[in-house]
Amino acid sequence: MTISRRQFAMGGASLAAFAGLSRFASVAAATSYHNQVPGYGPLRDDPAGLIDLPHGFSYRVISSAGDMMDDGLTVPCCHDGMGCFALDADRVVLVRNHELLPDQRARGAKGLISLAYDRYADGGALPGGTSNIVYNLRSGRVERQHLSLAGTIRNCSGGVMPWGSWLSCEEILTRAGEDGIARDHGLAFEVPANARGLVEPAPIHALGRFNHEGAVIDPRTGILYLTEDEKDSLFYRFLPDRPGALHQGGRLQALGFIEQPEGGDSRNWKRRDMAVGDMRLTRWIDLHGVDNPHNDLKNRGHADGAAIFARGEGIYFGDGQVHFMCTSGGAAGLGQIFRYIPSPFEGQAREKDEPGRLSLFVESDDRQVLNYGDNITVAPWGHLIICEDNKTPFADNMLRGVTQGGRVYTLGRIRGGTEPTGACFSPDGRVLFLNIYAPGKTLAVSGPWERVVQAGSPDFAA
């Protein structure tokens, strides 16, 4: 989320100069969308002006920035990536990122913070981190909230680990000594879902120091896949020395294409190197100096033959495949979705005999269909759910669905000049949890989710 629509809102004074026809056009941009398949039907205006949803759907706000939590601290602002974990038959735990920079101290948690990775000179904790919410699905009520990770910076996205923890990732490259910061940032931290307070903030250095975005693990192999939010990013994997124990080390690698040993470019910006449906055989390149003291890890990786992607962001593993979003990729610069199919011998010596495959699954050429997709999850019925973070003036960010055949429909529209983030489903598939980035709200969305499965269109679930 390096450049996003949330930053456009900060320049609101300059927008007042637009009037007449421009203002009419802005209304059209904010209200128009195009469904390639029916989805759940047209959106209905939300009287509260927060999120428009299709007929039959509703939401409740379960947590807002500034609320008092059970640990005596207040809920921080800037809600971003989030994971959902089953606690028991009725309750889930949401672990939620707060993407805050050092100069946003006023938007962080208020109160005395005992454990923190990094602090200001006066001893206060840096404002980034995570908070945990215990939510009762049966009663529809929050039972507990507390801060779980403190003293980090710009916790953007991350990923759910199958052993019950959230990997919270910093999207920044601040070095110790810069801007009064005491420690290096751009790291990943593990937060157990069952934590009842602040966890000891221990970065996983072997995962590298870079502009981390999303992370996902293949539970069959224990291999971790990671995205990087840069205009010339790499796509990474981590081979742990011991599956399930990330702190014990491993090898960080970057994806390249077998037929392009000099390093390919998937972005399609200068020329269309990949068409939708194209499949590339892959190879993985060992990376060295992953602590990245000179902020050049991606450049060194590309020089060694790693492929370039355009702002890798949301990532999800399901049905034996990895899907990841490249927010500004494509000839129109509106976003791409890639699909990686691991080798049957992923991470092993025999991988070279039957390598993994990468294909371009979706590329948007119409901002009314898909405009700067960001966070991503998979619905229980198999469709991808995409949170937009577009930087189009006046255009609302949308919540989109993508069928198995790569067709896009609109599931929701976020009002108020902000973005949806952190989409994740409850284990029973009945509730979609969703963050509104700023000023910071977490929603529980319910509705007739099964209706999309019964849409009747032969290509809808294709």
Protein backbone atom coordinates (compact mmCIF):
# COMPACT_ATOMS: atom_id res chain seq x y z
CA MET A 1 0.00 0.00 0.00
CA THR A 2 2.81 2.37 -0.81
CA ILE A 3 0.66 4.94 -2.63
CA SER A 4 -3.01 4.73 -1.89
CA ARG A 5 -6.25 6.57 -1.92
CA ARG A 6 -6.01 7.22 1.80
CA GLN A 7 -3.17 9.61 0.95
CA PHE A 8 -5.30 11.35 -1.68
CA ALA A 9 -7.74 12.36 1.05
CA MET A 10 -4.98 14.34 2.78
CA GLY A 11 -4.84 16.69 -0.20
CA GLY A 12 -8.54 17.47 -0.03
CA ALA A 13 -8.13 21.24 -0.08
CA SER A 14 -6.85 21.21 -3.63
CA LEU A 15 -9.87 19.22 -4.80
CA ALA A 16 -12.23 22.09 -3.99
CA ALA A 17 -11.21 23.74 -7.27
CA PHE A 18 -13.09 21.12 -9.27
CA ALA A 19 -16.68 22.07 -10.10
CA GLY A 20 -19.41 21.80 -12.72
CA LEU A 21 -18.81 18.96 -15.16
CA SER A 22 -15.94 17.58 -13.09
CA ARG A 23 -18.17 17.30 -10.06
CA PHE A 24 -20.83 15.52 -12.10
CA ALA A 25 -18.16 13.13 -13.39
CA SER A 26 -16.98 12.44 -9.86
CA VAL A 27 -20.45 11.28 -8.85
CA ALA A 28 -20.56 8.92 -11.82
CA ALA A 29 -17.12 7.54 -10.99
CA ALA A 30 -18.09 6.95 -7.38
CA THR A 31 -21.30 5.09 -8.15
CA SER A 32 -20.49 3.08 -11.29
CA TYR A 33 -19.18 -0.47 -11.48
CA HIS A 34 -19.37 -3.31 -13.96
CA ASN A 35 -20.05 -6.95 -13.14
CA GLN A 36 -18.72 -9.51 -15.60
CA VAL A 37 -21.04 -12.06 -13.96
CA PRO A 38 -24.17 -11.39 -11.86
CA GLY A 39 -22.59 -11.88 -8.45
CA TYR A 40 -25.06 -11.00 -5.74
CA GLY A 41 -26.80 -8.33 -7.78
CA PRO A 42 -26.79 -4.53 -7.52
CA LEU A 43 -25.53 -2.73 -4.44
CA ARG A 44 -27.91 -0.88 -2.14
CA ASP A 45 -27.04 2.43 -0.56
CA ASP A 46 -26.09 2.22 3.11
CA PRO A 47 -28.07 4.84 5.11
CA ALA A 48 -25.07 5.08 7.46
CA GLY A 49 -22.78 5.92 4.53
CA LEU A 50 -20.19 3.27 5.39
CA ILE A 51 -20.51 0.27 3.02
CA ASP A 52 -23.05 -0.50 0.30
CA LEU A 53 -23.95 -4.20 0.03
CA PRO A 54 -26.30 -6.30 -2.10
CA HIS A 55 -29.88 -7.03 -1.08
CA GLY A 56 -30.11 -9.36 1.93
CA PHE A 57 -26.71 -8.45 3.36
CA SER A 58 -26.07 -6.53 6.56
CA TYR A 59 -23.14 -5.62 8.78
CA ARG A 60 -22.39 -4.61 12.31
CA VAL A 61 -19.44 -2.56 13.54
CA ILE A 62 -17.74 -4.66 16.20
CA SER A 63 -14.69 -2.50 16.95
CA SER A 64 -13.66 1.10 16.25
CA ALA A 65 -10.50 3.14 16.70
CA GLY A 66 -10.56 4.86 20.06
CA ASP A 67 -12.68 2.21 21.81
CA MET A 68 -11.45 1.22 25.25
CA MET A 69 -10.02 -2.31 25.30
CA ASP A 70 -9.89 -4.80 28.15
CA ASP A 71 -6.21 -4.10 28.80
CA GLY A 72 -6.95 -0.42 29.51
CA LEU A 73 -5.54 0.74 26.15
CA THR A 74 -7.51 2.24 23.28
CA VAL A 75 -7.96 0.61 19.87
CA PRO A 76 -5.33 2.05 17.49
CA CYS A 77 -6.29 3.48 14.11
CA CYS A 78 -5.47 2.40 10.54
CA HIS A 79 -6.82 -1.15 10.52
CA ASP A 80 -5.17 -3.24 7.83
CA GLY A 81 -4.45 -6.96 7.28
CA MET A 82 -6.27 -9.40 9.56
CA GLY A 83 -6.60 -13.14 10.21
CA CYS A 84 -9.41 -15.19 11.75
CA PHE A 85 -8.79 -18.17 14.06
CA ALA A 86 -11.23 -20.60 15.66
CA LEU A 87 -11.11 -20.46 19.47
CA ASP A 88 -13.93 -22.93 20.14
CA ALA A 89 -17.29 -23.91 18.61
CA ASP A 90 -18.76 -20.43 19.12
CA ARG A 91 -15.85 -18.01 19.30
CA VAL A 92 -13.14 -16.76 16.98
CA VAL A 93 -10.08 -14.58 17.45
CA LEU A 94 -9.30 -11.81 14.98
CA VAL A 95 -5.69 -10.64 14.90
CA ARG A 96 -5.64 -7.21 13.28
CA ASN A 97 -2.76 -5.09 11.97
CA HIS A 98 -2.42 -1.35 12.55
CA GLU A 99 -0.45 0.32 9.77
CA LEU A 100 0.99 3.30 11.63
CA LEU A 101 4.15 5.33 10.99
CA PRO A 102 6.32 6.98 13.66
CA ASP A 103 4.78 10.40 12.98
CA GLN A 104 1.29 8.97 13.63
CA ARG A 105 1.81 8.53 17.36
CA ALA A 106 -1.52 10.22 18.15
CA ARG A 107 -3.35 7.49 16.22
CA GLY A 108 -1.80 4.64 18.17
CA ALA A 109 -3.02 2.97 21.35
CA LYS A 110 -3.37 5.31 24.33
CA GLY A 111 -1.98 4.09 27.62
CA LEU A 112 1.11 2.52 29.19
CA ILE A 113 2.61 -0.19 26.96
CA SER A 114 4.91 -2.62 28.75
CA LEU A 115 6.40 -4.66 25.88
CA ALA A 116 7.48 -2.98 22.65
CA TYR A 117 9.94 -3.78 19.86
CA ASP A 118 11.01 -0.14 19.46
CA ARG A 119 10.38 3.13 21.28
CA TYR A 120 10.66 6.88 20.91
CA ALA A 121 13.40 8.72 22.77
CA ASP A 122 10.94 9.52 25.56
CA GLY A 123 10.19 5.82 26.10
CA GLY A 124 6.82 5.64 24.38
CA ALA A 125 6.22 2.68 22.07
CA LEU A 126 6.17 3.21 18.32
CA PRO A 127 2.50 3.08 17.24
CA GLY A 128 2.39 0.11 14.83
CA GLY A 129 1.43 -3.40 15.85
CA THR A 130 -1.57 -5.70 16.23
CA SER A 131 -4.65 -6.08 18.39
CA ASN A 132 -6.69 -9.23 19.13
CA ILE A 133 -10.49 -9.42 19.23
CA VAL A 134 -12.39 -12.37 20.72
CA TYR A 135 -15.78 -12.47 18.96
CA ASN A 136 -18.73 -14.73 19.76
CA LEU A 137 -20.38 -15.86 16.53
CA ARG A 138 -23.48 -17.06 18.33
CA SER A 139 -24.18 -13.88 20.30
CA GLY A 140 -22.66 -11.45 17.80
CA ARG A 141 -20.72 -9.72 20.56
CA VAL A 142 -17.09 -8.90 21.27
CA GLU A 143 -15.96 -10.62 24.47
CA ARG A 144 -12.46 -9.20 24.70
CA GLN A 145 -10.03 -6.85 22.93
CA HIS A 146 -6.39 -6.17 23.71
CA LEU A 147 -3.15 -4.99 22.14
CA SER A 148 -0.99 -7.96 21.15
CA LEU A 149 2.09 -6.52 19.37
CA ALA A 150 3.59 -3.08 19.97
CA GLY A 151 6.52 -0.91 18.92
CA THR A 152 6.58 -1.79 15.23
CA ILE A 153 5.99 0.36 12.13
CA ARG A 154 3.54 0.15 9.25
CA ASN A 155 2.15 -3.33 9.91
CA CYS A 156 0.46 -3.73 6.57
CA SER A 157 -0.54 -7.31 5.90
CA GLY A 158 0.71 -10.76 6.84
CA GLY A 159 -0.76 -14.23 6.98
CA VAL A 160 -2.43 -16.94 9.00
CA MET A 161 -0.12 -19.72 10.12
CA PRO A 162 -1.73 -23.19 10.50
CA TRP A 163 -0.39 -23.64 14.04
CA GLY A 164 -2.56 -20.75 15.27
CA SER A 165 -0.58 -17.55 14.88
CA TRP A 166 -0.66 -14.45 12.70
CA LEU A 167 2.47 -13.32 10.88
CA SER A 168 2.41 -9.52 11.04
CA CYS A 169 4.63 -7.85 8.42
CA GLU A 170 6.18 -4.39 8.33
CA GLU A 171 6.03 -2.59 5.00
CA ILE A 172 8.92 -0.19 5.46
CA LEU A 173 12.74 -0.04 5.23
CA THR A 174 13.59 2.32 8.10
CA ARG A 175 17.07 1.72 9.52
CA ALA A 176 18.26 2.15 13.07
CA GLY A 177 19.34 5.75 13.56
CA GLU A 178 16.95 7.21 10.99
CA ASP A 179 14.29 9.65 12.20
CA GLY A 180 15.13 8.89 15.81
CA ILE A 181 14.35 5.18 15.38
CA ALA A 182 16.47 2.85 17.52
CA ARG A 183 16.11 -0.46 15.61
CA ASP A 184 15.88 -1.76 12.05
CA HIS A 185 12.41 -2.26 10.59
CA GLY A 186 10.97 -4.09 7.57
CA LEU A 187 10.57 -7.36 9.45
CA ALA A 188 7.97 -10.01 10.25
CA PHE A 189 6.67 -10.86 13.74
CA GLU A 190 4.63 -13.83 14.94
CA VAL A 191 1.55 -13.18 17.11
CA PRO A 192 -0.25 -16.19 18.66
CA ALA A 193 -4.00 -15.93 18.30
CA ASN A 194 -4.52 -17.21 21.84
CA ALA A 195 -2.35 -14.50 23.41
CA ARG A 196 -4.18 -12.69 26.20
CA GLY A 197 -1.91 -9.68 26.23
CA LEU A 198 1.19 -8.25 24.60
CA VAL A 199 3.58 -10.82 23.14
CA GLU A 200 7.37 -10.59 23.27
CA PRO A 201 8.18 -8.86 19.94
CA ALA A 202 10.75 -11.16 18.34
CA PRO A 203 11.37 -10.48 14.61
CA ILE A 204 11.98 -13.46 12.32
CA HIS A 205 15.19 -12.27 10.71
CA ALA A 206 15.51 -15.23 8.34
CA LEU A 207 12.37 -14.04 6.48
CA GLY A 208 14.39 -11.07 5.29
CA ARG A 209 14.17 -7.34 5.70
CA PHE A 210 12.21 -5.68 2.89
CA ASN A 211 8.88 -3.99 2.19
CA HIS A 212 6.92 -6.98 3.44
CA GLU A 213 3.27 -7.27 2.47
CA GLY A 214 1.49 -10.64 2.58
CA ALA A 215 2.52 -14.13 3.64
CA VAL A 216 0.95 -17.55 3.24
CA ILE A 217 2.05 -21.06 4.05
CA ASP A 218 1.48 -24.33 2.23
CA PRO A 219 0.52 -26.62 5.13
CA ARG A 220 1.58 -29.70 3.17
CA THR A 221 5.21 -28.63 2.93
CA GLY A 222 5.62 -25.86 5.51
CA ILE A 223 6.97 -23.57 2.77
CA LEU A 224 6.11 -19.89 3.17
CA TYR A 225 5.37 -17.55 0.24
CA LEU A 226 5.73 -13.78 0.61
CA THR A 227 4.94 -10.66 -1.41
CA GLU A 228 6.72 -7.30 -1.52
CA ASP A 229 5.02 -3.94 -2.07
CA GLU A 230 7.35 -2.24 -4.52
CA LYS A 231 6.84 -1.19 -8.14
CA ASP A 232 9.67 -3.60 -9.01
CA SER A 233 9.11 -6.24 -6.35
CA LEU A 234 10.08 -9.90 -6.14
CA PHE A 235 7.96 -12.91 -5.23
CA TYR A 236 9.59 -14.84 -2.39
CA ARG A 237 9.48 -18.23 -0.75
CA PHE A 238 11.04 -19.38 2.51
CA LEU A 239 12.23 -22.95 3.01
CA PRO A 240 12.27 -23.46 6.78
CA ASP A 241 14.96 -25.60 8.36
CA ARG A 242 12.16 -27.02 10.48
CA PRO A 243 8.57 -26.70 9.21
CA GLY A 244 6.41 -24.84 11.68
CA ALA A 245 9.36 -23.22 13.45
CA LEU A 246 10.13 -20.06 11.46
CA HIS A 247 12.45 -18.64 14.12
CA GLN A 248 14.84 -21.56 13.65
CA GLY A 249 15.96 -20.29 10.25
CA GLY A 250 15.84 -21.37 6.65
CA ARG A 251 16.52 -20.22 3.09
CA LEU A 252 14.89 -17.18 1.45
CA GLN A 253 14.51 -17.41 -2.33
CA ALA A 254 12.98 -15.40 -5.19
CA LEU A 255 11.03 -16.71 -8.17
CA GLY A 256 12.44 -16.59 -11.69
CA PHE A 257 11.40 -18.02 -15.07
CA ILE A 258 13.28 -20.94 -16.58
CA GLU A 259 13.03 -19.52 -20.11
CA GLN A 260 14.27 -16.10 -18.95
CA PRO A 261 17.42 -16.75 -16.90
CA GLU A 262 18.33 -13.05 -17.04
CA GLY A 263 15.17 -12.16 -15.08
CA GLY A 264 11.72 -11.63 -16.56
CA ASP A 265 9.25 -8.77 -16.15
CA SER A 266 5.64 -9.76 -15.48
CA ARG A 267 4.24 -6.23 -15.26
CA ASN A 268 3.28 -5.77 -18.95
CA TRP A 269 4.02 -2.07 -18.65
CA LYS A 270 6.40 -1.61 -21.57
CA ARG A 271 5.21 -4.56 -23.59
CA ARG A 272 2.81 -7.43 -23.03
CA ASP A 273 5.15 -10.22 -21.96
CA MET A 274 2.37 -12.29 -20.42
CA ALA A 275 -1.22 -12.71 -21.57
CA VAL A 276 -4.02 -13.97 -19.36
CA GLY A 277 -3.71 -17.75 -19.24
CA ASP A 278 0.00 -17.79 -20.10
CA MET A 279 1.95 -20.31 -18.04
CA ARG A 280 5.64 -20.03 -17.15
CA LEU A 281 7.87 -22.73 -15.69
CA THR A 282 9.66 -21.41 -12.64
CA ARG A 283 12.95 -21.68 -10.82
CA TRP A 284 13.90 -20.37 -7.38
CA ILE A 285 17.01 -18.28 -6.74
CA ASP A 286 18.81 -18.27 -3.38
CA LEU A 287 19.10 -14.82 -1.81
CA HIS A 288 22.01 -13.75 0.37
CA GLY A 289 22.41 -10.93 2.83
CA VAL A 290 18.71 -11.06 3.61
CA ASP A 291 19.15 -8.60 6.49
CA ASN A 292 19.42 -6.14 3.58
CA PRO A 293 21.63 -3.45 5.18
CA HIS A 294 21.72 -1.41 1.96
CA ASN A 295 18.02 -1.77 1.06
CA ASP A 296 18.97 -3.48 -2.21
CA LEU A 297 17.74 -7.06 -1.73
CA LYS A 298 15.28 -6.94 -4.62
CA ASN A 299 17.87 -5.37 -6.93
CA ARG A 300 20.39 -8.08 -6.14
CA GLY A 301 17.73 -10.74 -6.61
CA HIS A 302 16.75 -9.40 -10.02
CA ALA A 303 20.38 -9.20 -11.07
CA ASP A 304 20.65 -12.90 -10.24
CA GLY A 305 17.65 -13.71 -12.45
CA ALA A 306 14.53 -13.15 -10.31
CA ALA A 307 11.41 -11.91 -12.10
CA ILE A 308 9.91 -8.46 -11.44
CA PHE A 309 6.30 -7.93 -10.28
CA ALA A 310 4.29 -4.73 -9.83
CA ARG A 311 3.53 -4.18 -6.15
CA GLY A 312 2.91 -7.66 -4.82
CA GLU A 313 0.25 -7.41 -2.12
CA GLY A 314 -2.50 -9.80 -0.99
CA ILE A 315 -1.75 -13.52 -1.11
CA TYR A 316 -3.74 -16.67 -0.33
CA PHE A 317 -3.22 -20.43 -0.44
CA GLY A 318 -6.08 -22.76 -1.25
CA ASP A 319 -6.81 -25.90 -3.27
CA GLY A 320 -3.08 -26.50 -3.65
CA GLN A 321 -2.44 -23.13 -5.32
CA VAL A 322 -1.12 -19.72 -4.36
CA HIS A 323 -2.93 -16.63 -5.64
CA PHE A 324 -1.35 -13.21 -5.21
CA MET A 325 -2.29 -9.69 -6.20
CA CYS A 326 -0.07 -7.24 -8.06
CA THR A 327 -1.84 -3.97 -7.41
CA SER A 328 -0.51 -1.79 -10.25
CA GLY A 329 0.40 -4.51 -12.75
CA GLY A 330 -0.91 -4.84 -16.28
CA ALA A 331 -0.83 -2.75 -19.45
CA ALA A 332 -3.48 -0.43 -17.98
CA GLY A 333 -1.78 -0.39 -14.57
CA LEU A 334 -5.02 -1.44 -12.86
CA GLY A 335 -3.91 -4.73 -11.34
CA GLN A 336 -3.09 -8.37 -11.97
CA ILE A 337 -3.73 -11.63 -10.15
CA PHE A 338 -1.17 -14.41 -10.52
CA ARG A 339 -1.58 -18.09 -9.74
CA TYR A 340 1.36 -20.24 -8.66
CA ILE A 341 1.06 -24.03 -8.72
CA PRO A 342 3.87 -25.57 -6.64
CA SER A 343 5.95 -28.44 -7.92
CA PRO A 344 5.10 -31.93 -6.60
CA PHE A 345 8.68 -31.74 -5.32
CA GLU A 346 8.55 -28.14 -4.10
CA GLY A 347 11.77 -27.17 -2.36
CA GLN A 348 13.42 -30.54 -3.03
CA ALA A 349 16.24 -31.58 -5.34
CA ARG A 350 13.79 -33.18 -7.80
CA GLU A 351 11.97 -29.87 -8.26
CA LYS A 352 14.04 -29.13 -11.34
CA ASP A 353 12.55 -32.21 -13.06
CA GLU A 354 8.97 -31.00 -12.56
CA PRO A 355 9.09 -27.29 -11.71
CA GLY A 356 6.33 -25.12 -10.35
CA ARG A 357 4.20 -23.07 -12.75
CA LEU A 358 3.13 -19.44 -12.68
CA SER A 359 0.22 -18.13 -14.73
CA LEU A 360 -1.46 -14.76 -15.19
CA PHE A 361 -4.98 -15.36 -13.91
CA VAL A 362 -6.57 -11.89 -14.22
CA GLU A 363 -5.43 -8.57 -15.67
CA SER A 364 -7.76 -5.60 -15.42
CA ASP A 365 -8.18 -3.15 -18.28
CA ASP A 366 -11.32 -1.50 -16.85
CA ARG A 367 -11.32 0.37 -13.53
CA GLN A 368 -15.06 -0.30 -13.17
CA VAL A 369 -14.28 -4.04 -13.07
CA LEU A 370 -11.13 -4.04 -10.91
CA ASN A 371 -9.13 -1.02 -9.82
CA TYR A 372 -5.98 -1.57 -7.71
CA GLY A 373 -6.79 -4.78 -5.87
CA ASP A 374 -4.93 -5.19 -2.60
CA ASN A 375 -5.80 -7.56 0.27
CA ILE A 376 -7.12 -10.92 -0.89
CA THR A 377 -8.84 -13.93 0.63
CA VAL A 378 -10.75 -16.97 -0.60
CA ALA A 379 -14.44 -17.46 0.13
CA PRO A 380 -15.79 -20.84 1.26
CA TRP A 381 -17.37 -21.29 -2.19
CA GLY A 382 -13.99 -20.92 -3.90
CA HIS A 383 -14.11 -17.35 -5.20
CA LEU A 384 -11.37 -14.84 -4.48
CA ILE A 385 -12.45 -11.78 -2.50
CA ILE A 386 -10.43 -8.66 -3.32
CA CYS A 387 -10.15 -5.42 -1.33
CA GLU A 388 -9.40 -2.44 -3.57
CA ASP A 389 -7.00 0.37 -2.69
CA ASN A 390 -7.28 2.55 -5.78
CA LYS A 391 -5.78 6.01 -6.18
CA THR A 392 -8.38 7.24 -8.66
CA PRO A 393 -9.65 10.69 -7.61
CA PHE A 394 -13.28 10.56 -6.44
CA ALA A 395 -13.73 6.82 -7.05
CA ASP A 396 -14.89 4.66 -4.16
CA ASN A 397 -12.94 1.52 -3.33
CA MET A 398 -14.81 -1.70 -3.94
CA LEU A 399 -14.94 -5.19 -2.51
CA ARG A 400 -14.80 -7.56 -5.50
CA GLY A 401 -15.39 -11.25 -6.07
CA VAL A 402 -13.49 -13.27 -8.68
CA THR A 403 -14.81 -16.61 -9.91
CA GLN A 404 -12.69 -19.68 -10.59
CA GLY A 405 -12.90 -18.71 -14.25
CA GLY A 406 -11.42 -15.26 -13.60
CA ARG A 407 -14.68 -13.29 -13.96
CA VAL A 408 -15.16 -10.31 -11.63
CA TYR A 409 -18.23 -9.01 -9.78
CA THR A 410 -18.75 -6.31 -7.15
CA LEU A 411 -19.63 -7.35 -3.61
CA GLY A 412 -19.46 -4.02 -1.79
CA ARG A 413 -18.60 -0.33 -2.06
CA ILE A 414 -16.77 1.57 0.68
CA ARG A 415 -17.89 5.13 1.26
CA GLY A 416 -15.99 8.04 2.75
CA GLY A 417 -12.68 8.06 0.91
CA THR A 418 -11.09 5.04 2.52
CA GLU A 419 -10.47 1.39 1.67
CA PRO A 420 -11.55 -2.09 2.77
CA THR A 421 -8.79 -4.25 4.25
CA GLY A 422 -8.24 -7.49 6.13
CA ALA A 423 -11.09 -9.53 4.62
CA CYS A 424 -11.34 -13.00 6.17
CA PHE A 425 -14.17 -15.49 6.79
CA SER A 426 -15.24 -17.19 9.96
CA PRO A 427 -14.47 -20.94 9.99
CA ASP A 428 -18.13 -21.78 9.27
CA GLY A 429 -18.16 -19.42 6.27
CA ARG A 430 -21.14 -17.46 7.51
CA VAL A 431 -19.45 -14.19 8.50
CA LEU A 432 -17.04 -12.05 6.51
CA PHE A 433 -14.88 -9.94 8.79
CA LEU A 434 -13.66 -6.76 7.16
CA ASN A 435 -11.74 -3.66 8.19
CA ILE A 436 -12.39 -0.10 7.11
CA TYR A 437 -8.91 1.37 7.08
CA ALA A 438 -9.49 4.85 8.50
CA PRO A 439 -10.56 6.15 10.87
CA GLY A 440 -10.56 2.44 11.71
CA LYS A 441 -13.51 0.09 12.03
CA THR A 442 -13.90 -3.70 12.00
CA LEU A 443 -17.14 -5.11 10.57
CA ALA A 444 -18.92 -8.45 10.66
CA VAL A 445 -20.83 -8.89 7.38
CA SER A 446 -23.62 -11.47 7.09
CA GLY A 447 -25.95 -12.45 4.29
CA PRO A 448 -27.08 -15.15 1.86
CA TRP A 449 -23.58 -16.20 0.84
CA GLU A 450 -24.96 -19.41 -0.67
CA ARG A 451 -26.87 -17.39 -3.27
CA VAL A 452 -23.78 -16.96 -5.41
CA VAL A 453 -23.36 -20.75 -5.68
CA GLN A 454 -26.93 -21.03 -6.99
CA ALA A 455 -26.57 -18.23 -9.53
CA GLY A 456 -27.37 -20.63 -12.38
CA SER A 457 -24.91 -19.23 -14.87
CA PRO A 458 -22.76 -22.07 -16.33
CA ASP A 459 -19.60 -19.97 -16.34
CA PHE A 460 -20.14 -18.43 -12.89
CA ALA A 461 -18.19 -21.01 -10.94
CA ALA A 462 -16.15 -22.16 -13.92
